[in-house]
């Protein structure tokens, strides 16, 4: 221990700022069980359905924009 009663830290261990940064920005997730695996089977299936709906919407938007460009070109 050091003179003020706190344990000496090893070089490179950092201080309060580094501890905070690691805990809140770079550290391991806490209280998020199953996040990487996707949780339940039902949750995974709902996520996949939502993703497919979003992809379909994006495809439709691209198609609408393409059709509008084609219409402008044909109208010249």
PDB file of N, CA and C in Angstrom:
ATOM      1  N   UNK A   1       0.843  -1.187   0.000  1.00  0.00           N
ATOM      2  CA  UNK A   1       0.000   0.000   0.000  1.00  0.00           C
ATOM      3  C   UNK A   1       0.876   1.233   0.000  1.00  0.00           C
ATOM      4  N   UNK A   2       0.321   2.291  -0.550  1.00  0.00           N
ATOM      5  CA  UNK A   2       1.057   3.542  -0.547  1.00  0.00           C
ATOM      6  C   UNK A   2       0.812   4.261   0.771  1.00  0.00           C
ATOM      7  N   UNK A   3       1.420   5.412   0.901  1.00  0.00           N
ATOM      8  CA  UNK A   3       1.347   6.138   2.165  1.00  0.00           C
ATOM      9  C   UNK A   3      -0.066   6.624   2.483  1.00  0.00           C
ATOM     10  N   UNK A   4      -0.880   6.955   1.479  1.00  0.00           N
ATOM     11  CA  UNK A   4      -2.211   7.500   1.757  1.00  0.00           C
ATOM     12  C   UNK A   4      -3.257   6.412   1.981  1.00  0.00           C
ATOM     13  N   UNK A   5      -2.873   5.141   1.972  1.00  0.00           N
ATOM     14  CA  UNK A   5      -3.787   4.063   2.305  1.00  0.00           C
ATOM     15  C   UNK A   5      -4.359   3.340   1.101  1.00  0.00           C
ATOM     16  N   UNK A   6      -4.099   3.862  -0.118  1.00  0.00           N
ATOM     17  CA  UNK A   6      -4.610   3.208  -1.315  1.00  0.00           C
ATOM     18  C   UNK A   6      -3.544   2.276  -1.879  1.00  0.00           C
ATOM     19  N   UNK A   7      -3.969   1.231  -2.503  1.00  0.00           N
ATOM     20  CA  UNK A   7      -3.032   0.301  -3.113  1.00  0.00           C
ATOM     21  C   UNK A   7      -2.416   0.950  -4.350  1.00  0.00           C
ATOM     22  N   UNK A   8      -1.120   0.738  -4.532  1.00  0.00           N
ATOM     23  CA  UNK A   8      -0.435   1.289  -5.695  1.00  0.00           C
ATOM     24  C   UNK A   8      -0.875   0.527  -6.942  1.00  0.00           C
ATOM     25  N   UNK A   9      -1.088   1.264  -8.038  1.00  0.00           N
ATOM     26  CA  UNK A   9      -1.506   0.646  -9.278  1.00  0.00           C
ATOM     27  C   UNK A   9      -0.291   0.327 -10.131  1.00  0.00           C
ATOM     28  N   UNK A  10      -0.410  -0.723 -10.893  1.00  0.00           N
ATOM     29  CA  UNK A  10       0.667  -1.095 -11.810  1.00  0.00           C
ATOM     30  C   UNK A  10       0.724  -0.076 -12.940  1.00  0.00           C
ATOM     31  N   UNK A  11       1.905   0.146 -13.499  1.00  0.00           N
ATOM     32  CA  UNK A  11       2.001   1.066 -14.637  1.00  0.00           C
ATOM     33  C   UNK A  11       1.097   0.594 -15.772  1.00  0.00           C
ATOM     34  N   UNK A  12       0.386   1.532 -16.396  1.00  0.00           N
ATOM     35  CA  UNK A  12      -0.511   1.202 -17.486  1.00  0.00           C
ATOM     36  C   UNK A  12      -1.908   0.809 -17.045  1.00  0.00           C
ATOM     37  N   UNK A  13      -2.154   0.726 -15.753  1.00  0.00           N
ATOM     38  CA  UNK A  13      -3.478   0.343 -15.275  1.00  0.00           C
ATOM     39  C   UNK A  13      -4.473   1.483 -15.430  1.00  0.00           C
ATOM     40  N   UNK A  14      -4.006   2.705 -15.395  1.00  0.00           N
ATOM     41  CA  UNK A  14      -4.880   3.853 -15.591  1.00  0.00           C
ATOM     42  C   UNK A  14      -5.528   4.312 -14.309  1.00  0.00           C
ATOM     43  N   UNK A  15      -6.271   5.396 -14.432  1.00  0.00           N
ATOM     44  CA  UNK A  15      -6.939   5.967 -13.277  1.00  0.00           C
ATOM     45  C   UNK A  15      -8.437   5.902 -13.417  1.00  0.00           C
ATOM     46  N   UNK A  16      -9.106   6.867 -12.790  1.00  0.00           N
ATOM     47  CA  UNK A  16     -10.565   6.878 -12.805  1.00  0.00           C
ATOM     48  C   UNK A  16     -11.128   7.049 -14.211  1.00  0.00           C
ATOM     49  N   UNK A  17     -10.499   7.907 -15.017  1.00  0.00           N
ATOM     50  CA  UNK A  17     -10.992   8.146 -16.366  1.00  0.00           C
ATOM     51  C   UNK A  17     -10.929   6.877 -17.205  1.00  0.00           C
ATOM     52  N   UNK A  18      -9.808   6.167 -17.136  1.00  0.00           N
ATOM     53  CA  UNK A  18      -9.670   4.925 -17.889  1.00  0.00           C
ATOM     54  C   UNK A  18     -10.650   3.868 -17.381  1.00  0.00           C
ATOM     55  N   UNK A  19     -10.835   3.810 -16.083  1.00  0.00           N
ATOM     56  CA  UNK A  19     -11.776   2.842 -15.525  1.00  0.00           C
ATOM     57  C   UNK A  19     -13.195   3.132 -16.000  1.00  0.00           C
ATOM     58  N   UNK A  20     -13.576   4.414 -16.019  1.00  0.00           N
ATOM     59  CA  UNK A  20     -14.900   4.794 -16.491  1.00  0.00           C
ATOM     60  C   UNK A  20     -15.055   4.473 -17.977  1.00  0.00           C
ATOM     61  N   UNK A  21     -14.037   4.835 -18.765  1.00  0.00           N
ATOM     62  CA  UNK A  21     -14.098   4.588 -20.203  1.00  0.00           C
ATOM     63  C   UNK A  21     -14.246   3.102 -20.486  1.00  0.00           C
ATOM     64  N   UNK A  22     -13.511   2.281 -19.785  1.00  0.00           N
ATOM     65  CA  UNK A  22     -13.607   0.843 -20.010  1.00  0.00           C
ATOM     66  C   UNK A  22     -14.980   0.326 -19.598  1.00  0.00           C
ATOM     67  N   UNK A  23     -15.438   0.763 -18.460  1.00  0.00           N
ATOM     68  CA  UNK A  23     -16.710   0.252 -17.937  1.00  0.00           C
ATOM     69  C   UNK A  23     -17.884   0.632 -18.825  1.00  0.00           C
ATOM     70  N   UNK A  24     -17.926   1.895 -19.289  1.00  0.00           N
ATOM     71  CA  UNK A  24     -19.094   2.370 -20.018  1.00  0.00           C
ATOM     72  C   UNK A  24     -18.945   2.374 -21.528  1.00  0.00           C
ATOM     73  N   UNK A  25     -17.726   2.356 -22.040  1.00  0.00           N
ATOM     74  CA  UNK A  25     -17.554   2.422 -23.488  1.00  0.00           C
ATOM     75  C   UNK A  25     -16.995   1.149 -24.100  1.00  0.00           C
ATOM     76  N   UNK A  26     -16.091   0.483 -23.434  1.00  0.00           N
ATOM     77  CA  UNK A  26     -15.407  -0.642 -24.064  1.00  0.00           C
ATOM     78  C   UNK A  26     -15.533  -1.943 -23.297  1.00  0.00           C
ATOM     79  N   UNK A  27     -16.086  -1.902 -22.146  1.00  0.00           N
ATOM     80  CA  UNK A  27     -16.115  -3.093 -21.311  1.00  0.00           C
ATOM     81  C   UNK A  27     -17.147  -4.105 -21.730  1.00  0.00           C
ATOM     82  N   UNK A  28     -17.151  -5.211 -21.076  1.00  0.00           N
ATOM     83  CA  UNK A  28     -18.119  -6.254 -21.411  1.00  0.00           C
ATOM     84  C   UNK A  28     -19.539  -5.829 -21.046  1.00  0.00           C
ATOM     85  N   UNK A  29     -20.487  -6.329 -21.802  1.00  0.00           N
ATOM     86  CA  UNK A  29     -21.886  -6.003 -21.533  1.00  0.00           C
ATOM     87  C   UNK A  29     -22.320  -6.627 -20.222  1.00  0.00           C
ATOM     88  N   UNK A  30     -23.144  -5.908 -19.503  1.00  0.00           N
ATOM     89  CA  UNK A  30     -23.658  -6.416 -18.236  1.00  0.00           C
ATOM     90  C   UNK A  30     -25.179  -6.494 -18.337  1.00  0.00           C
ATOM     91  N   UNK A  31     -25.744  -7.575 -17.877  1.00  0.00           N
ATOM     92  CA  UNK A  31     -27.194  -7.686 -17.846  1.00  0.00           C
ATOM     93  C   UNK A  31     -27.833  -7.870 -19.212  1.00  0.00           C
ATOM     94  N   UNK A  32     -27.089  -8.367 -20.174  1.00  0.00           N
ATOM     95  CA  UNK A  32     -27.632  -8.557 -21.507  1.00  0.00           C
ATOM     96  C   UNK A  32     -27.451 -10.017 -21.889  1.00  0.00           C
ATOM     97  N   UNK A  33     -28.024 -10.884 -21.134  1.00  0.00           N
ATOM     98  CA  UNK A  33     -27.887 -12.314 -21.359  1.00  0.00           C
ATOM     99  C   UNK A  33     -28.517 -12.709 -22.686  1.00  0.00           C
ATOM    100  N   UNK A  34     -27.810 -13.474 -23.469  1.00  0.00           N
ATOM    101  CA  UNK A  34     -28.338 -13.992 -24.718  1.00  0.00           C
ATOM    102  C   UNK A  34     -28.354 -13.008 -25.870  1.00  0.00           C
ATOM    103  N   UNK A  35     -27.727 -11.846 -25.716  1.00  0.00           N
ATOM    104  CA  UNK A  35     -27.773 -10.844 -26.777  1.00  0.00           C
ATOM    105  C   UNK A  35     -27.049 -11.323 -28.025  1.00  0.00           C
ATOM    106  N   UNK A  36     -25.905 -11.928 -27.866  1.00  0.00           N
ATOM    107  CA  UNK A  36     -25.141 -12.389 -29.020  1.00  0.00           C
ATOM    108  C   UNK A  36     -25.850 -13.542 -29.698  1.00  0.00           C
ATOM    109  N   UNK A  37     -26.426 -14.422 -28.933  1.00  0.00           N
ATOM    110  CA  UNK A  37     -27.103 -15.578 -29.491  1.00  0.00           C
ATOM    111  C   UNK A  37     -28.478 -15.227 -30.048  1.00  0.00           C
ATOM    112  N   UNK A  38     -29.012 -14.066 -29.677  1.00  0.00           N
ATOM    113  CA  UNK A  38     -30.288 -13.625 -30.217  1.00  0.00           C
ATOM    114  C   UNK A  38     -31.481 -13.898 -29.336  1.00  0.00           C
ATOM    115  N   UNK A  39     -31.273 -14.347 -28.138  1.00  0.00           N
ATOM    116  CA  UNK A  39     -32.391 -14.573 -27.242  1.00  0.00           C
ATOM    117  C   UNK A  39     -33.171 -15.814 -27.616  1.00  0.00           C
ATOM    118  N   UNK A  40     -34.466 -15.729 -27.538  1.00  0.00           N
ATOM    119  CA  UNK A  40     -35.319 -16.888 -27.791  1.00  0.00           C
ATOM    120  C   UNK A  40     -35.481 -17.133 -29.291  1.00  0.00           C
ATOM    121  N   UNK A  41     -35.961 -18.297 -29.625  1.00  0.00           N
ATOM    122  CA  UNK A  41     -36.215 -18.643 -31.025  1.00  0.00           C
ATOM    123  C   UNK A  41     -37.275 -17.719 -31.607  1.00  0.00           C
ATOM    124  N   UNK A  42     -38.295 -17.437 -30.830  1.00  0.00           N
ATOM    125  CA  UNK A  42     -39.358 -16.542 -31.296  1.00  0.00           C
ATOM    126  C   UNK A  42     -38.802 -15.148 -31.580  1.00  0.00           C
ATOM    127  N   UNK A  43     -37.945 -14.645 -30.701  1.00  0.00           N
ATOM    128  CA  UNK A  43     -37.361 -13.321 -30.906  1.00  0.00           C
ATOM    129  C   UNK A  43     -36.511 -13.295 -32.171  1.00  0.00           C
ATOM    130  N   UNK A  44     -35.756 -14.366 -32.415  1.00  0.00           N
ATOM    131  CA  UNK A  44     -34.944 -14.426 -33.636  1.00  0.00           C
ATOM    132  C   UNK A  44     -35.824 -14.421 -34.879  1.00  0.00           C
ATOM    133  N   UNK A  45     -36.902 -15.199 -34.851  1.00  0.00           N
ATOM    134  CA  UNK A  45     -37.799 -15.257 -36.000  1.00  0.00           C
ATOM    135  C   UNK A  45     -38.470 -13.903 -36.254  1.00  0.00           C
ATOM    136  N   UNK A  46     -38.897 -13.227 -35.192  1.00  0.00           N
ATOM    137  CA  UNK A  46     -39.499 -11.904 -35.352  1.00  0.00           C
ATOM    138  C   UNK A  46     -38.497 -10.912 -35.906  1.00  0.00           C
ATOM    139  N   UNK A  47     -37.249 -11.000 -35.453  1.00  0.00           N
ATOM    140  CA  UNK A  47     -36.199 -10.123 -35.952  1.00  0.00           C
ATOM    141  C   UNK A  47     -35.968 -10.372 -37.437  1.00  0.00           C
ATOM    142  N   UNK A  48     -35.923 -11.636 -37.834  1.00  0.00           N
ATOM    143  CA  UNK A  48     -35.719 -11.973 -39.246  1.00  0.00           C
ATOM    144  C   UNK A  48     -36.878 -11.449 -40.110  1.00  0.00           C
ATOM    145  N   UNK A  49     -38.097 -11.583 -39.613  1.00  0.00           N
ATOM    146  CA  UNK A  49     -39.250 -11.077 -40.359  1.00  0.00           C
ATOM    147  C   UNK A  49     -39.177  -9.565 -40.507  1.00  0.00           C
ATOM    148  N   UNK A  50     -38.819  -8.880 -39.425  1.00  0.00           N
ATOM    149  CA  UNK A  50     -38.696  -7.432 -39.468  1.00  0.00           C
ATOM    150  C   UNK A  50     -37.607  -7.021 -40.457  1.00  0.00           C
ATOM    151  N   UNK A  51     -36.487  -7.714 -40.421  1.00  0.00           N
ATOM    152  CA  UNK A  51     -35.396  -7.404 -41.338  1.00  0.00           C
ATOM    153  C   UNK A  51     -35.834  -7.604 -42.785  1.00  0.00           C
ATOM    154  N   UNK A  52     -36.531  -8.675 -43.058  1.00  0.00           N
ATOM    155  CA  UNK A  52     -36.999  -8.929 -44.426  1.00  0.00           C
ATOM    156  C   UNK A  52     -37.985  -7.856 -44.867  1.00  0.00           C
ATOM    157  N   UNK A  53     -38.885  -7.409 -43.973  1.00  0.00           N
ATOM    158  CA  UNK A  53     -39.805  -6.319 -44.329  1.00  0.00           C
ATOM    159  C   UNK A  53     -39.042  -5.043 -44.648  1.00  0.00           C
ATOM    160  N   UNK A  54     -38.016  -4.747 -43.871  1.00  0.00           N
ATOM    161  CA  UNK A  54     -37.221  -3.545 -44.126  1.00  0.00           C
ATOM    162  C   UNK A  54     -36.486  -3.639 -45.459  1.00  0.00           C
ATOM    163  N   UNK A  55     -35.935  -4.818 -45.755  1.00  0.00           N
ATOM    164  CA  UNK A  55     -35.246  -5.008 -47.033  1.00  0.00           C
ATOM    165  C   UNK A  55     -36.224  -4.862 -48.191  1.00  0.00           C
ATOM    166  N   UNK A  56     -37.418  -5.423 -48.044  1.00  0.00           N
ATOM    167  CA  UNK A  56     -38.439  -5.317 -49.090  1.00  0.00           C
ATOM    168  C   UNK A  56     -38.814  -3.863 -49.315  1.00  0.00           C
ATOM    169  N   UNK A  57     -38.984  -3.100 -48.251  1.00  0.00           N
ATOM    170  CA  UNK A  57     -39.321  -1.688 -48.366  1.00  0.00           C
ATOM    171  C   UNK A  57     -38.215  -0.949 -49.114  1.00  0.00           C
ATOM    172  N   UNK A  58     -36.951  -1.256 -48.779  1.00  0.00           N
ATOM    173  CA  UNK A  58     -35.825  -0.620 -49.457  1.00  0.00           C
ATOM    174  C   UNK A  58     -35.812  -0.982 -50.939  1.00  0.00           C
ATOM    175  N   UNK A  59     -36.079  -2.240 -51.266  1.00  0.00           N
ATOM    176  CA  UNK A  59     -36.135  -2.653 -52.673  1.00  0.00           C
ATOM    177  C   UNK A  59     -37.234  -1.888 -53.416  1.00  0.00           C
ATOM    178  N   UNK A  60     -38.388  -1.749 -52.766  1.00  0.00           N
ATOM    179  CA  UNK A  60     -39.491  -1.023 -53.393  1.00  0.00           C
ATOM    180  C   UNK A  60     -39.134   0.440 -53.629  1.00  0.00           C
ATOM    181  N   UNK A  61     -38.458   1.052 -52.661  1.00  0.00           N
ATOM    182  CA  UNK A  61     -38.058   2.452 -52.818  1.00  0.00           C
ATOM    183  C   UNK A  61     -37.072   2.608 -53.968  1.00  0.00           C
ATOM    184  N   UNK A  62     -36.101   1.698 -54.051  1.00  0.00           N
ATOM    185  CA  UNK A  62     -35.135   1.760 -55.164  1.00  0.00           C
ATOM    186  C   UNK A  62     -35.848   1.592 -56.500  1.00  0.00           C
ATOM    187  N   UNK A  63     -36.806   0.678 -56.558  1.00  0.00           N
ATOM    188  CA  UNK A  63     -37.556   0.450 -57.790  1.00  0.00           C
ATOM    189  C   UNK A  63     -38.375   1.687 -58.173  1.00  0.00           C
ATOM    190  N   UNK A  64     -39.001   2.328 -57.194  1.00  0.00           N
ATOM    191  CA  UNK A  64     -39.762   3.548 -57.477  1.00  0.00           C
ATOM    192  C   UNK A  64     -38.856   4.649 -58.011  1.00  0.00           C
ATOM    193  N   UNK A  65     -37.692   4.816 -57.400  1.00  0.00           N
ATOM    194  CA  UNK A  65     -36.759   5.840 -57.872  1.00  0.00           C
ATOM    195  C   UNK A  65     -36.269   5.525 -59.279  1.00  0.00           C
ATOM    196  N   UNK A  66     -35.995   4.241 -59.540  1.00  0.00           N
ATOM    197  CA  UNK A  66     -35.540   3.843 -60.864  1.00  0.00           C
ATOM    198  C   UNK A  66     -36.632   4.107 -61.899  1.00  0.00           C
ATOM    199  N   UNK A  67     -37.873   3.766 -61.557  1.00  0.00           N
ATOM    200  CA  UNK A  67     -38.989   3.993 -62.472  1.00  0.00           C
ATOM    201  C   UNK A  67     -39.175   5.485 -62.742  1.00  0.00           C
ATOM    202  N   UNK A  68     -39.025   6.309 -61.716  1.00  0.00           N
ATOM    203  CA  UNK A  68     -39.157   7.760 -61.900  1.00  0.00           C
ATOM    204  C   UNK A  68     -38.052   8.283 -62.814  1.00  0.00           C
ATOM    205  N   UNK A  69     -36.827   7.784 -62.654  1.00  0.00           N
ATOM    206  CA  UNK A  69     -35.719   8.212 -63.528  1.00  0.00           C
ATOM    207  C   UNK A  69     -35.996   7.804 -64.972  1.00  0.00           C
ATOM    208  N   UNK A  70     -36.469   6.576 -65.145  1.00  0.00           N
ATOM    209  CA  UNK A  70     -36.787   6.083 -66.494  1.00  0.00           C
ATOM    210  C   UNK A  70     -37.891   6.916 -67.129  1.00  0.00           C
ATOM    211  N   UNK A  71     -38.894   7.299 -66.338  1.00  0.00           N
ATOM    212  CA  UNK A  71     -39.991   8.110 -66.855  1.00  0.00           C
ATOM    213  C   UNK A  71     -39.496   9.486 -67.268  1.00  0.00           C
ATOM    214  N   UNK A  72     -38.595  10.064 -66.483  1.00  0.00           N
ATOM    215  CA  UNK A  72     -38.027  11.377 -66.840  1.00  0.00           C
ATOM    216  C   UNK A  72     -37.224  11.277 -68.118  1.00  0.00           C
ATOM    217  N   UNK A  73     -36.442  10.201 -68.263  1.00  0.00           N
ATOM    218  CA  UNK A  73     -35.637  10.033 -69.472  1.00  0.00           C
ATOM    219  C   UNK A  73     -36.533   9.835 -70.689  1.00  0.00           C
ATOM    220  N   UNK A  74     -37.598   9.079 -70.549  1.00  0.00           N
ATOM    221  CA  UNK A  74     -38.501   8.819 -71.670  1.00  0.00           C
ATOM    222  C   UNK A  74     -39.283  10.077 -72.046  1.00  0.00           C
ATOM    223  N   UNK A  75     -39.516  10.969 -71.095  1.00  0.00           N
ATOM    224  CA  UNK A  75     -40.292  12.174 -71.330  1.00  0.00           C
ATOM    225  C   UNK A  75     -39.500  13.299 -71.992  1.00  0.00           C
ATOM    226  N   UNK A  76     -38.220  13.162 -72.145  1.00  0.00           N
ATOM    227  CA  UNK A  76     -37.410  14.232 -72.738  1.00  0.00           C
ATOM    228  C   UNK A  76     -37.655  14.392 -74.177  1.00  0.00           C
TER     229      UNK A  76
END
